[in-house]
Amino acid sequence: RFARDGEEDFFPCESVIVAVSQGPR
């Protein structure tokens, strides 16, 4: 589920990979 132009919409998919950054352990 995502927001665009102030409204919510839905993108169908089987899998999601989050790739927004990483930090140290």
PDBML (XML) file of the C-alpha atoms, coordinates in Angstrom:
<?xml version="1.0" encoding="UTF-8" ?>
<PDBx:datablock datablockName="MODEL"
   xmlns:PDBx="http://pdbml.pdb.org/schema/pdbx-v50.xsd"
   xmlns:xsi="http://www.w3.org/2001/XMLSchema-instance"
   xsi:schemaLocation="http://pdbml.pdb.org/schema/pdbx-v50.xsd pdbx-v50.xsd">
   <PDBx:atom_siteCategory>
      <PDBx:atom_site id="1">
         <PDBx:B_iso_or_equiv>0.00</PDBx:B_iso_or_equiv>
         <PDBx:Cartn_x>0.000</PDBx:Cartn_x>
         <PDBx:Cartn_y>0.000</PDBx:Cartn_y>
         <PDBx:Cartn_z>0.000</PDBx:Cartn_z>
         <PDBx:auth_asym_id>A</PDBx:auth_asym_id>
         <PDBx:auth_atom_id>CA</PDBx:auth_atom_id>
         <PDBx:auth_comp_id>ARG</PDBx:auth_comp_id>
         <PDBx:auth_seq_id>1</PDBx:auth_seq_id>
         <PDBx:group_PDB>ATOM</PDBx:group_PDB>
         <PDBx:label_alt_id xsi:nil="true" />
         <PDBx:label_asym_id>A</PDBx:label_asym_id>
         <PDBx:label_atom_id>CA</PDBx:label_atom_id>
         <PDBx:label_comp_id>ARG</PDBx:label_comp_id>
         <PDBx:label_entity_id>1</PDBx:label_entity_id>
         <PDBx:label_seq_id>1</PDBx:label_seq_id>
         <PDBx:occupancy>1.00</PDBx:occupancy>
         <PDBx:pdbx_PDB_model_num>1</PDBx:pdbx_PDB_model_num>
         <PDBx:type_symbol>C</PDBx:type_symbol>
      </PDBx:atom_site>
      <PDBx:atom_site id="2">
         <PDBx:B_iso_or_equiv>0.00</PDBx:B_iso_or_equiv>
         <PDBx:Cartn_x>1.388</PDBx:Cartn_x>
         <PDBx:Cartn_y>3.383</PDBx:Cartn_y>
         <PDBx:Cartn_z>-0.927</PDBx:Cartn_z>
         <PDBx:auth_asym_id>A</PDBx:auth_asym_id>
         <PDBx:auth_atom_id>CA</PDBx:auth_atom_id>
         <PDBx:auth_comp_id>PHE</PDBx:auth_comp_id>
         <PDBx:auth_seq_id>2</PDBx:auth_seq_id>
         <PDBx:group_PDB>ATOM</PDBx:group_PDB>
         <PDBx:label_alt_id xsi:nil="true" />
         <PDBx:label_asym_id>A</PDBx:label_asym_id>
         <PDBx:label_atom_id>CA</PDBx:label_atom_id>
         <PDBx:label_comp_id>PHE</PDBx:label_comp_id>
         <PDBx:label_entity_id>1</PDBx:label_entity_id>
         <PDBx:label_seq_id>2</PDBx:label_seq_id>
         <PDBx:occupancy>1.00</PDBx:occupancy>
         <PDBx:pdbx_PDB_model_num>1</PDBx:pdbx_PDB_model_num>
         <PDBx:type_symbol>C</PDBx:type_symbol>
      </PDBx:atom_site>
      <PDBx:atom_site id="3">
         <PDBx:B_iso_or_equiv>0.00</PDBx:B_iso_or_equiv>
         <PDBx:Cartn_x>0.457</PDBx:Cartn_x>
         <PDBx:Cartn_y>7.057</PDBx:Cartn_y>
         <PDBx:Cartn_z>-0.862</PDBx:Cartn_z>
         <PDBx:auth_asym_id>A</PDBx:auth_asym_id>
         <PDBx:auth_atom_id>CA</PDBx:auth_atom_id>
         <PDBx:auth_comp_id>ALA</PDBx:auth_comp_id>
         <PDBx:auth_seq_id>3</PDBx:auth_seq_id>
         <PDBx:group_PDB>ATOM</PDBx:group_PDB>
         <PDBx:label_alt_id xsi:nil="true" />
         <PDBx:label_asym_id>A</PDBx:label_asym_id>
         <PDBx:label_atom_id>CA</PDBx:label_atom_id>
         <PDBx:label_comp_id>ALA</PDBx:label_comp_id>
         <PDBx:label_entity_id>1</PDBx:label_entity_id>
         <PDBx:label_seq_id>3</PDBx:label_seq_id>
         <PDBx:occupancy>1.00</PDBx:occupancy>
         <PDBx:pdbx_PDB_model_num>1</PDBx:pdbx_PDB_model_num>
         <PDBx:type_symbol>C</PDBx:type_symbol>
      </PDBx:atom_site>
      <PDBx:atom_site id="4">
         <PDBx:B_iso_or_equiv>0.00</PDBx:B_iso_or_equiv>
         <PDBx:Cartn_x>0.628</PDBx:Cartn_x>
         <PDBx:Cartn_y>9.337</PDBx:Cartn_y>
         <PDBx:Cartn_z>-3.897</PDBx:Cartn_z>
         <PDBx:auth_asym_id>A</PDBx:auth_asym_id>
         <PDBx:auth_atom_id>CA</PDBx:auth_atom_id>
         <PDBx:auth_comp_id>ARG</PDBx:auth_comp_id>
         <PDBx:auth_seq_id>4</PDBx:auth_seq_id>
         <PDBx:group_PDB>ATOM</PDBx:group_PDB>
         <PDBx:label_alt_id xsi:nil="true" />
         <PDBx:label_asym_id>A</PDBx:label_asym_id>
         <PDBx:label_atom_id>CA</PDBx:label_atom_id>
         <PDBx:label_comp_id>ARG</PDBx:label_comp_id>
         <PDBx:label_entity_id>1</PDBx:label_entity_id>
         <PDBx:label_seq_id>4</PDBx:label_seq_id>
         <PDBx:occupancy>1.00</PDBx:occupancy>
         <PDBx:pdbx_PDB_model_num>1</PDBx:pdbx_PDB_model_num>
         <PDBx:type_symbol>C</PDBx:type_symbol>
      </PDBx:atom_site>
      <PDBx:atom_site id="5">
         <PDBx:B_iso_or_equiv>0.00</PDBx:B_iso_or_equiv>
         <PDBx:Cartn_x>-0.816</PDBx:Cartn_x>
         <PDBx:Cartn_y>12.805</PDBx:Cartn_y>
         <PDBx:Cartn_z>-4.343</PDBx:Cartn_z>
         <PDBx:auth_asym_id>A</PDBx:auth_asym_id>
         <PDBx:auth_atom_id>CA</PDBx:auth_atom_id>
         <PDBx:auth_comp_id>ASP</PDBx:auth_comp_id>
         <PDBx:auth_seq_id>5</PDBx:auth_seq_id>
         <PDBx:group_PDB>ATOM</PDBx:group_PDB>
         <PDBx:label_alt_id xsi:nil="true" />
         <PDBx:label_asym_id>A</PDBx:label_asym_id>
         <PDBx:label_atom_id>CA</PDBx:label_atom_id>
         <PDBx:label_comp_id>ASP</PDBx:label_comp_id>
         <PDBx:label_entity_id>1</PDBx:label_entity_id>
         <PDBx:label_seq_id>5</PDBx:label_seq_id>
         <PDBx:occupancy>1.00</PDBx:occupancy>
         <PDBx:pdbx_PDB_model_num>1</PDBx:pdbx_PDB_model_num>
         <PDBx:type_symbol>C</PDBx:type_symbol>
      </PDBx:atom_site>
      <PDBx:atom_site id="6">
         <PDBx:B_iso_or_equiv>0.00</PDBx:B_iso_or_equiv>
         <PDBx:Cartn_x>-2.522</PDBx:Cartn_x>
         <PDBx:Cartn_y>12.562</PDBx:Cartn_y>
         <PDBx:Cartn_z>-0.983</PDBx:Cartn_z>
         <PDBx:auth_asym_id>A</PDBx:auth_asym_id>
         <PDBx:auth_atom_id>CA</PDBx:auth_atom_id>
         <PDBx:auth_comp_id>GLY</PDBx:auth_comp_id>
         <PDBx:auth_seq_id>6</PDBx:auth_seq_id>
         <PDBx:group_PDB>ATOM</PDBx:group_PDB>
         <PDBx:label_alt_id xsi:nil="true" />
         <PDBx:label_asym_id>A</PDBx:label_asym_id>
         <PDBx:label_atom_id>CA</PDBx:label_atom_id>
         <PDBx:label_comp_id>GLY</PDBx:label_comp_id>
         <PDBx:label_entity_id>1</PDBx:label_entity_id>
         <PDBx:label_seq_id>6</PDBx:label_seq_id>
         <PDBx:occupancy>1.00</PDBx:occupancy>
         <PDBx:pdbx_PDB_model_num>1</PDBx:pdbx_PDB_model_num>
         <PDBx:type_symbol>C</PDBx:type_symbol>
      </PDBx:atom_site>
      <PDBx:atom_site id="7">
         <PDBx:B_iso_or_equiv>0.00</PDBx:B_iso_or_equiv>
         <PDBx:Cartn_x>-4.371</PDBx:Cartn_x>
         <PDBx:Cartn_y>9.366</PDBx:Cartn_y>
         <PDBx:Cartn_z>-1.834</PDBx:Cartn_z>
         <PDBx:auth_asym_id>A</PDBx:auth_asym_id>
         <PDBx:auth_atom_id>CA</PDBx:auth_atom_id>
         <PDBx:auth_comp_id>GLU</PDBx:auth_comp_id>
         <PDBx:auth_seq_id>7</PDBx:auth_seq_id>
         <PDBx:group_PDB>ATOM</PDBx:group_PDB>
         <PDBx:label_alt_id xsi:nil="true" />
         <PDBx:label_asym_id>A</PDBx:label_asym_id>
         <PDBx:label_atom_id>CA</PDBx:label_atom_id>
         <PDBx:label_comp_id>GLU</PDBx:label_comp_id>
         <PDBx:label_entity_id>1</PDBx:label_entity_id>
         <PDBx:label_seq_id>7</PDBx:label_seq_id>
         <PDBx:occupancy>1.00</PDBx:occupancy>
         <PDBx:pdbx_PDB_model_num>1</PDBx:pdbx_PDB_model_num>
         <PDBx:type_symbol>C</PDBx:type_symbol>
      </PDBx:atom_site>
      <PDBx:atom_site id="8">
         <PDBx:B_iso_or_equiv>0.00</PDBx:B_iso_or_equiv>
         <PDBx:Cartn_x>-3.638</PDBx:Cartn_x>
         <PDBx:Cartn_y>5.720</PDBx:Cartn_y>
         <PDBx:Cartn_z>-1.058</PDBx:Cartn_z>
         <PDBx:auth_asym_id>A</PDBx:auth_asym_id>
         <PDBx:auth_atom_id>CA</PDBx:auth_atom_id>
         <PDBx:auth_comp_id>GLU</PDBx:auth_comp_id>
         <PDBx:auth_seq_id>8</PDBx:auth_seq_id>
         <PDBx:group_PDB>ATOM</PDBx:group_PDB>
         <PDBx:label_alt_id xsi:nil="true" />
         <PDBx:label_asym_id>A</PDBx:label_asym_id>
         <PDBx:label_atom_id>CA</PDBx:label_atom_id>
         <PDBx:label_comp_id>GLU</PDBx:label_comp_id>
         <PDBx:label_entity_id>1</PDBx:label_entity_id>
         <PDBx:label_seq_id>8</PDBx:label_seq_id>
         <PDBx:occupancy>1.00</PDBx:occupancy>
         <PDBx:pdbx_PDB_model_num>1</PDBx:pdbx_PDB_model_num>
         <PDBx:type_symbol>C</PDBx:type_symbol>
      </PDBx:atom_site>
      <PDBx:atom_site id="9">
         <PDBx:B_iso_or_equiv>0.00</PDBx:B_iso_or_equiv>
         <PDBx:Cartn_x>-3.324</PDBx:Cartn_x>
         <PDBx:Cartn_y>3.039</PDBx:Cartn_y>
         <PDBx:Cartn_z>-3.687</PDBx:Cartn_z>
         <PDBx:auth_asym_id>A</PDBx:auth_asym_id>
         <PDBx:auth_atom_id>CA</PDBx:auth_atom_id>
         <PDBx:auth_comp_id>ASP</PDBx:auth_comp_id>
         <PDBx:auth_seq_id>9</PDBx:auth_seq_id>
         <PDBx:group_PDB>ATOM</PDBx:group_PDB>
         <PDBx:label_alt_id xsi:nil="true" />
         <PDBx:label_asym_id>A</PDBx:label_asym_id>
         <PDBx:label_atom_id>CA</PDBx:label_atom_id>
         <PDBx:label_comp_id>ASP</PDBx:label_comp_id>
         <PDBx:label_entity_id>1</PDBx:label_entity_id>
         <PDBx:label_seq_id>9</PDBx:label_seq_id>
         <PDBx:occupancy>1.00</PDBx:occupancy>
         <PDBx:pdbx_PDB_model_num>1</PDBx:pdbx_PDB_model_num>
         <PDBx:type_symbol>C</PDBx:type_symbol>
      </PDBx:atom_site>
      <PDBx:atom_site id="10">
         <PDBx:B_iso_or_equiv>0.00</PDBx:B_iso_or_equiv>
         <PDBx:Cartn_x>-2.238</PDBx:Cartn_x>
         <PDBx:Cartn_y>-0.611</PDBx:Cartn_y>
         <PDBx:Cartn_z>-3.788</PDBx:Cartn_z>
         <PDBx:auth_asym_id>A</PDBx:auth_asym_id>
         <PDBx:auth_atom_id>CA</PDBx:auth_atom_id>
         <PDBx:auth_comp_id>PHE</PDBx:auth_comp_id>
         <PDBx:auth_seq_id>10</PDBx:auth_seq_id>
         <PDBx:group_PDB>ATOM</PDBx:group_PDB>
         <PDBx:label_alt_id xsi:nil="true" />
         <PDBx:label_asym_id>A</PDBx:label_asym_id>
         <PDBx:label_atom_id>CA</PDBx:label_atom_id>
         <PDBx:label_comp_id>PHE</PDBx:label_comp_id>
         <PDBx:label_entity_id>1</PDBx:label_entity_id>
         <PDBx:label_seq_id>10</PDBx:label_seq_id>
         <PDBx:occupancy>1.00</PDBx:occupancy>
         <PDBx:pdbx_PDB_model_num>1</PDBx:pdbx_PDB_model_num>
         <PDBx:type_symbol>C</PDBx:type_symbol>
      </PDBx:atom_site>
      <PDBx:atom_site id="11">
         <PDBx:B_iso_or_equiv>0.00</PDBx:B_iso_or_equiv>
         <PDBx:Cartn_x>0.492</PDBx:Cartn_x>
         <PDBx:Cartn_y>-2.313</PDBx:Cartn_y>
         <PDBx:Cartn_z>-5.795</PDBx:Cartn_z>
         <PDBx:auth_asym_id>A</PDBx:auth_asym_id>
         <PDBx:auth_atom_id>CA</PDBx:auth_atom_id>
         <PDBx:auth_comp_id>PHE</PDBx:auth_comp_id>
         <PDBx:auth_seq_id>11</PDBx:auth_seq_id>
         <PDBx:group_PDB>ATOM</PDBx:group_PDB>
         <PDBx:label_alt_id xsi:nil="true" />
         <PDBx:label_asym_id>A</PDBx:label_asym_id>
         <PDBx:label_atom_id>CA</PDBx:label_atom_id>
         <PDBx:label_comp_id>PHE</PDBx:label_comp_id>
         <PDBx:label_entity_id>1</PDBx:label_entity_id>
         <PDBx:label_seq_id>11</PDBx:label_seq_id>
         <PDBx:occupancy>1.00</PDBx:occupancy>
         <PDBx:pdbx_PDB_model_num>1</PDBx:pdbx_PDB_model_num>
         <PDBx:type_symbol>C</PDBx:type_symbol>
      </PDBx:atom_site>
      <PDBx:atom_site id="12">
         <PDBx:B_iso_or_equiv>0.00</PDBx:B_iso_or_equiv>
         <PDBx:Cartn_x>0.034</PDBx:Cartn_x>
         <PDBx:Cartn_y>-6.099</PDBx:Cartn_y>
         <PDBx:Cartn_z>-6.035</PDBx:Cartn_z>
         <PDBx:auth_asym_id>A</PDBx:auth_asym_id>
         <PDBx:auth_atom_id>CA</PDBx:auth_atom_id>
         <PDBx:auth_comp_id>PRO</PDBx:auth_comp_id>
         <PDBx:auth_seq_id>12</PDBx:auth_seq_id>
         <PDBx:group_PDB>ATOM</PDBx:group_PDB>
         <PDBx:label_alt_id xsi:nil="true" />
         <PDBx:label_asym_id>A</PDBx:label_asym_id>
         <PDBx:label_atom_id>CA</PDBx:label_atom_id>
         <PDBx:label_comp_id>PRO</PDBx:label_comp_id>
         <PDBx:label_entity_id>1</PDBx:label_entity_id>
         <PDBx:label_seq_id>12</PDBx:label_seq_id>
         <PDBx:occupancy>1.00</PDBx:occupancy>
         <PDBx:pdbx_PDB_model_num>1</PDBx:pdbx_PDB_model_num>
         <PDBx:type_symbol>C</PDBx:type_symbol>
      </PDBx:atom_site>
      <PDBx:atom_site id="13">
         <PDBx:B_iso_or_equiv>0.00</PDBx:B_iso_or_equiv>
         <PDBx:Cartn_x>3.160</PDBx:Cartn_x>
         <PDBx:Cartn_y>-8.261</PDBx:Cartn_y>
         <PDBx:Cartn_z>-5.833</PDBx:Cartn_z>
         <PDBx:auth_asym_id>A</PDBx:auth_asym_id>
         <PDBx:auth_atom_id>CA</PDBx:auth_atom_id>
         <PDBx:auth_comp_id>CYS</PDBx:auth_comp_id>
         <PDBx:auth_seq_id>13</PDBx:auth_seq_id>
         <PDBx:group_PDB>ATOM</PDBx:group_PDB>
         <PDBx:label_alt_id xsi:nil="true" />
         <PDBx:label_asym_id>A</PDBx:label_asym_id>
         <PDBx:label_atom_id>CA</PDBx:label_atom_id>
         <PDBx:label_comp_id>CYS</PDBx:label_comp_id>
         <PDBx:label_entity_id>1</PDBx:label_entity_id>
         <PDBx:label_seq_id>13</PDBx:label_seq_id>
         <PDBx:occupancy>1.00</PDBx:occupancy>
         <PDBx:pdbx_PDB_model_num>1</PDBx:pdbx_PDB_model_num>
         <PDBx:type_symbol>C</PDBx:type_symbol>
      </PDBx:atom_site>
      <PDBx:atom_site id="14">
         <PDBx:B_iso_or_equiv>0.00</PDBx:B_iso_or_equiv>
         <PDBx:Cartn_x>4.285</PDBx:Cartn_x>
         <PDBx:Cartn_y>-11.545</PDBx:Cartn_y>
         <PDBx:Cartn_z>-4.336</PDBx:Cartn_z>
         <PDBx:auth_asym_id>A</PDBx:auth_asym_id>
         <PDBx:auth_atom_id>CA</PDBx:auth_atom_id>
         <PDBx:auth_comp_id>GLU</PDBx:auth_comp_id>
         <PDBx:auth_seq_id>14</PDBx:auth_seq_id>
         <PDBx:group_PDB>ATOM</PDBx:group_PDB>
         <PDBx:label_alt_id xsi:nil="true" />
         <PDBx:label_asym_id>A</PDBx:label_asym_id>
         <PDBx:label_atom_id>CA</PDBx:label_atom_id>
         <PDBx:label_comp_id>GLU</PDBx:label_comp_id>
         <PDBx:label_entity_id>1</PDBx:label_entity_id>
         <PDBx:label_seq_id>14</PDBx:label_seq_id>
         <PDBx:occupancy>1.00</PDBx:occupancy>
         <PDBx:pdbx_PDB_model_num>1</PDBx:pdbx_PDB_model_num>
         <PDBx:type_symbol>C</PDBx:type_symbol>
      </PDBx:atom_site>
      <PDBx:atom_site id="15">
         <PDBx:B_iso_or_equiv>0.00</PDBx:B_iso_or_equiv>
         <PDBx:Cartn_x>7.463</PDBx:Cartn_x>
         <PDBx:Cartn_y>-10.271</PDBx:Cartn_y>
         <PDBx:Cartn_z>-2.663</PDBx:Cartn_z>
         <PDBx:auth_asym_id>A</PDBx:auth_asym_id>
         <PDBx:auth_atom_id>CA</PDBx:auth_atom_id>
         <PDBx:auth_comp_id>SER</PDBx:auth_comp_id>
         <PDBx:auth_seq_id>15</PDBx:auth_seq_id>
         <PDBx:group_PDB>ATOM</PDBx:group_PDB>
         <PDBx:label_alt_id xsi:nil="true" />
         <PDBx:label_asym_id>A</PDBx:label_asym_id>
         <PDBx:label_atom_id>CA</PDBx:label_atom_id>
         <PDBx:label_comp_id>SER</PDBx:label_comp_id>
         <PDBx:label_entity_id>1</PDBx:label_entity_id>
         <PDBx:label_seq_id>15</PDBx:label_seq_id>
         <PDBx:occupancy>1.00</PDBx:occupancy>
         <PDBx:pdbx_PDB_model_num>1</PDBx:pdbx_PDB_model_num>
         <PDBx:type_symbol>C</PDBx:type_symbol>
      </PDBx:atom_site>
      <PDBx:atom_site id="16">
         <PDBx:B_iso_or_equiv>0.00</PDBx:B_iso_or_equiv>
         <PDBx:Cartn_x>8.984</PDBx:Cartn_x>
         <PDBx:Cartn_y>-7.036</PDBx:Cartn_y>
         <PDBx:Cartn_z>-1.409</PDBx:Cartn_z>
         <PDBx:auth_asym_id>A</PDBx:auth_asym_id>
         <PDBx:auth_atom_id>CA</PDBx:auth_atom_id>
         <PDBx:auth_comp_id>VAL</PDBx:auth_comp_id>
         <PDBx:auth_seq_id>16</PDBx:auth_seq_id>
         <PDBx:group_PDB>ATOM</PDBx:group_PDB>
         <PDBx:label_alt_id xsi:nil="true" />
         <PDBx:label_asym_id>A</PDBx:label_asym_id>
         <PDBx:label_atom_id>CA</PDBx:label_atom_id>
         <PDBx:label_comp_id>VAL</PDBx:label_comp_id>
         <PDBx:label_entity_id>1</PDBx:label_entity_id>
         <PDBx:label_seq_id>16</PDBx:label_seq_id>
         <PDBx:occupancy>1.00</PDBx:occupancy>
         <PDBx:pdbx_PDB_model_num>1</PDBx:pdbx_PDB_model_num>
         <PDBx:type_symbol>C</PDBx:type_symbol>
      </PDBx:atom_site>
      <PDBx:atom_site id="17">
         <PDBx:B_iso_or_equiv>0.00</PDBx:B_iso_or_equiv>
         <PDBx:Cartn_x>12.646</PDBx:Cartn_x>
         <PDBx:Cartn_y>-6.131</PDBx:Cartn_y>
         <PDBx:Cartn_z>-0.914</PDBx:Cartn_z>
         <PDBx:auth_asym_id>A</PDBx:auth_asym_id>
         <PDBx:auth_atom_id>CA</PDBx:auth_atom_id>
         <PDBx:auth_comp_id>ILE</PDBx:auth_comp_id>
         <PDBx:auth_seq_id>17</PDBx:auth_seq_id>
         <PDBx:group_PDB>ATOM</PDBx:group_PDB>
         <PDBx:label_alt_id xsi:nil="true" />
         <PDBx:label_asym_id>A</PDBx:label_asym_id>
         <PDBx:label_atom_id>CA</PDBx:label_atom_id>
         <PDBx:label_comp_id>ILE</PDBx:label_comp_id>
         <PDBx:label_entity_id>1</PDBx:label_entity_id>
         <PDBx:label_seq_id>17</PDBx:label_seq_id>
         <PDBx:occupancy>1.00</PDBx:occupancy>
         <PDBx:pdbx_PDB_model_num>1</PDBx:pdbx_PDB_model_num>
         <PDBx:type_symbol>C</PDBx:type_symbol>
      </PDBx:atom_site>
      <PDBx:atom_site id="18">
         <PDBx:B_iso_or_equiv>0.00</PDBx:B_iso_or_equiv>
         <PDBx:Cartn_x>13.447</PDBx:Cartn_x>
         <PDBx:Cartn_y>-3.019</PDBx:Cartn_y>
         <PDBx:Cartn_z>1.134</PDBx:Cartn_z>
         <PDBx:auth_asym_id>A</PDBx:auth_asym_id>
         <PDBx:auth_atom_id>CA</PDBx:auth_atom_id>
         <PDBx:auth_comp_id>VAL</PDBx:auth_comp_id>
         <PDBx:auth_seq_id>18</PDBx:auth_seq_id>
         <PDBx:group_PDB>ATOM</PDBx:group_PDB>
         <PDBx:label_alt_id xsi:nil="true" />
         <PDBx:label_asym_id>A</PDBx:label_asym_id>
         <PDBx:label_atom_id>CA</PDBx:label_atom_id>
         <PDBx:label_comp_id>VAL</PDBx:label_comp_id>
         <PDBx:label_entity_id>1</PDBx:label_entity_id>
         <PDBx:label_seq_id>18</PDBx:label_seq_id>
         <PDBx:occupancy>1.00</PDBx:occupancy>
         <PDBx:pdbx_PDB_model_num>1</PDBx:pdbx_PDB_model_num>
         <PDBx:type_symbol>C</PDBx:type_symbol>
      </PDBx:atom_site>
      <PDBx:atom_site id="19">
         <PDBx:B_iso_or_equiv>0.00</PDBx:B_iso_or_equiv>
         <PDBx:Cartn_x>16.553</PDBx:Cartn_x>
         <PDBx:Cartn_y>-1.236</PDBx:Cartn_y>
         <PDBx:Cartn_z>-0.155</PDBx:Cartn_z>
         <PDBx:auth_asym_id>A</PDBx:auth_asym_id>
         <PDBx:auth_atom_id>CA</PDBx:auth_atom_id>
         <PDBx:auth_comp_id>ALA</PDBx:auth_comp_id>
         <PDBx:auth_seq_id>19</PDBx:auth_seq_id>
         <PDBx:group_PDB>ATOM</PDBx:group_PDB>
         <PDBx:label_alt_id xsi:nil="true" />
         <PDBx:label_asym_id>A</PDBx:label_asym_id>
         <PDBx:label_atom_id>CA</PDBx:label_atom_id>
         <PDBx:label_comp_id>ALA</PDBx:label_comp_id>
         <PDBx:label_entity_id>1</PDBx:label_entity_id>
         <PDBx:label_seq_id>19</PDBx:label_seq_id>
         <PDBx:occupancy>1.00</PDBx:occupancy>
         <PDBx:pdbx_PDB_model_num>1</PDBx:pdbx_PDB_model_num>
         <PDBx:type_symbol>C</PDBx:type_symbol>
      </PDBx:atom_site>
      <PDBx:atom_site id="20">
         <PDBx:B_iso_or_equiv>0.00</PDBx:B_iso_or_equiv>
         <PDBx:Cartn_x>16.724</PDBx:Cartn_x>
         <PDBx:Cartn_y>2.095</PDBx:Cartn_y>
         <PDBx:Cartn_z>1.652</PDBx:Cartn_z>
         <PDBx:auth_asym_id>A</PDBx:auth_asym_id>
         <PDBx:auth_atom_id>CA</PDBx:auth_atom_id>
         <PDBx:auth_comp_id>VAL</PDBx:auth_comp_id>
         <PDBx:auth_seq_id>20</PDBx:auth_seq_id>
         <PDBx:group_PDB>ATOM</PDBx:group_PDB>
         <PDBx:label_alt_id xsi:nil="true" />
         <PDBx:label_asym_id>A</PDBx:label_asym_id>
         <PDBx:label_atom_id>CA</PDBx:label_atom_id>
         <PDBx:label_comp_id>VAL</PDBx:label_comp_id>
         <PDBx:label_entity_id>1</PDBx:label_entity_id>
         <PDBx:label_seq_id>20</PDBx:label_seq_id>
         <PDBx:occupancy>1.00</PDBx:occupancy>
         <PDBx:pdbx_PDB_model_num>1</PDBx:pdbx_PDB_model_num>
         <PDBx:type_symbol>C</PDBx:type_symbol>
      </PDBx:atom_site>
      <PDBx:atom_site id="21">
         <PDBx:B_iso_or_equiv>0.00</PDBx:B_iso_or_equiv>
         <PDBx:Cartn_x>20.110</PDBx:Cartn_x>
         <PDBx:Cartn_y>1.960</PDBx:Cartn_y>
         <PDBx:Cartn_z>3.442</PDBx:Cartn_z>
         <PDBx:auth_asym_id>A</PDBx:auth_asym_id>
         <PDBx:auth_atom_id>CA</PDBx:auth_atom_id>
         <PDBx:auth_comp_id>SER</PDBx:auth_comp_id>
         <PDBx:auth_seq_id>21</PDBx:auth_seq_id>
         <PDBx:group_PDB>ATOM</PDBx:group_PDB>
         <PDBx:label_alt_id xsi:nil="true" />
         <PDBx:label_asym_id>A</PDBx:label_asym_id>
         <PDBx:label_atom_id>CA</PDBx:label_atom_id>
         <PDBx:label_comp_id>SER</PDBx:label_comp_id>
         <PDBx:label_entity_id>1</PDBx:label_entity_id>
         <PDBx:label_seq_id>21</PDBx:label_seq_id>
         <PDBx:occupancy>1.00</PDBx:occupancy>
         <PDBx:pdbx_PDB_model_num>1</PDBx:pdbx_PDB_model_num>
         <PDBx:type_symbol>C</PDBx:type_symbol>
      </PDBx:atom_site>
      <PDBx:atom_site id="22">
         <PDBx:B_iso_or_equiv>0.00</PDBx:B_iso_or_equiv>
         <PDBx:Cartn_x>22.090</PDBx:Cartn_x>
         <PDBx:Cartn_y>0.051</PDBx:Cartn_y>
         <PDBx:Cartn_z>6.011</PDBx:Cartn_z>
         <PDBx:auth_asym_id>A</PDBx:auth_asym_id>
         <PDBx:auth_atom_id>CA</PDBx:auth_atom_id>
         <PDBx:auth_comp_id>GLN</PDBx:auth_comp_id>
         <PDBx:auth_seq_id>22</PDBx:auth_seq_id>
         <PDBx:group_PDB>ATOM</PDBx:group_PDB>
         <PDBx:label_alt_id xsi:nil="true" />
         <PDBx:label_asym_id>A</PDBx:label_asym_id>
         <PDBx:label_atom_id>CA</PDBx:label_atom_id>
         <PDBx:label_comp_id>GLN</PDBx:label_comp_id>
         <PDBx:label_entity_id>1</PDBx:label_entity_id>
         <PDBx:label_seq_id>22</PDBx:label_seq_id>
         <PDBx:occupancy>1.00</PDBx:occupancy>
         <PDBx:pdbx_PDB_model_num>1</PDBx:pdbx_PDB_model_num>
         <PDBx:type_symbol>C</PDBx:type_symbol>
      </PDBx:atom_site>
      <PDBx:atom_site id="23">
         <PDBx:B_iso_or_equiv>0.00</PDBx:B_iso_or_equiv>
         <PDBx:Cartn_x>24.133</PDBx:Cartn_x>
         <PDBx:Cartn_y>0.719</PDBx:Cartn_y>
         <PDBx:Cartn_z>9.121</PDBx:Cartn_z>
         <PDBx:auth_asym_id>A</PDBx:auth_asym_id>
         <PDBx:auth_atom_id>CA</PDBx:auth_atom_id>
         <PDBx:auth_comp_id>GLY</PDBx:auth_comp_id>
         <PDBx:auth_seq_id>23</PDBx:auth_seq_id>
         <PDBx:group_PDB>ATOM</PDBx:group_PDB>
         <PDBx:label_alt_id xsi:nil="true" />
         <PDBx:label_asym_id>A</PDBx:label_asym_id>
         <PDBx:label_atom_id>CA</PDBx:label_atom_id>
         <PDBx:label_comp_id>GLY</PDBx:label_comp_id>
         <PDBx:label_entity_id>1</PDBx:label_entity_id>
         <PDBx:label_seq_id>23</PDBx:label_seq_id>
         <PDBx:occupancy>1.00</PDBx:occupancy>
         <PDBx:pdbx_PDB_model_num>1</PDBx:pdbx_PDB_model_num>
         <PDBx:type_symbol>C</PDBx:type_symbol>
      </PDBx:atom_site>
      <PDBx:atom_site id="24">
         <PDBx:B_iso_or_equiv>0.00</PDBx:B_iso_or_equiv>
         <PDBx:Cartn_x>26.848</PDBx:Cartn_x>
         <PDBx:Cartn_y>-1.059</PDBx:Cartn_y>
         <PDBx:Cartn_z>11.121</PDBx:Cartn_z>
         <PDBx:auth_asym_id>A</PDBx:auth_asym_id>
         <PDBx:auth_atom_id>CA</PDBx:auth_atom_id>
         <PDBx:auth_comp_id>PRO</PDBx:auth_comp_id>
         <PDBx:auth_seq_id>24</PDBx:auth_seq_id>
         <PDBx:group_PDB>ATOM</PDBx:group_PDB>
         <PDBx:label_alt_id xsi:nil="true" />
         <PDBx:label_asym_id>A</PDBx:label_asym_id>
         <PDBx:label_atom_id>CA</PDBx:label_atom_id>
         <PDBx:label_comp_id>PRO</PDBx:label_comp_id>
         <PDBx:label_entity_id>1</PDBx:label_entity_id>
         <PDBx:label_seq_id>24</PDBx:label_seq_id>
         <PDBx:occupancy>1.00</PDBx:occupancy>
         <PDBx:pdbx_PDB_model_num>1</PDBx:pdbx_PDB_model_num>
         <PDBx:type_symbol>C</PDBx:type_symbol>
      </PDBx:atom_site>
      <PDBx:atom_site id="25">
         <PDBx:B_iso_or_equiv>0.00</PDBx:B_iso_or_equiv>
         <PDBx:Cartn_x>26.278</PDBx:Cartn_x>
         <PDBx:Cartn_y>-4.011</PDBx:Cartn_y>
         <PDBx:Cartn_z>13.403</PDBx:Cartn_z>
         <PDBx:auth_asym_id>A</PDBx:auth_asym_id>
         <PDBx:auth_atom_id>CA</PDBx:auth_atom_id>
         <PDBx:auth_comp_id>ARG</PDBx:auth_comp_id>
         <PDBx:auth_seq_id>25</PDBx:auth_seq_id>
         <PDBx:group_PDB>ATOM</PDBx:group_PDB>
         <PDBx:label_alt_id xsi:nil="true" />
         <PDBx:label_asym_id>A</PDBx:label_asym_id>
         <PDBx:label_atom_id>CA</PDBx:label_atom_id>
         <PDBx:label_comp_id>ARG</PDBx:label_comp_id>
         <PDBx:label_entity_id>1</PDBx:label_entity_id>
         <PDBx:label_seq_id>25</PDBx:label_seq_id>
         <PDBx:occupancy>1.00</PDBx:occupancy>
         <PDBx:pdbx_PDB_model_num>1</PDBx:pdbx_PDB_model_num>
         <PDBx:type_symbol>C</PDBx:type_symbol>
      </PDBx:atom_site>
   </PDBx:atom_siteCategory>
</PDBx:datablock>
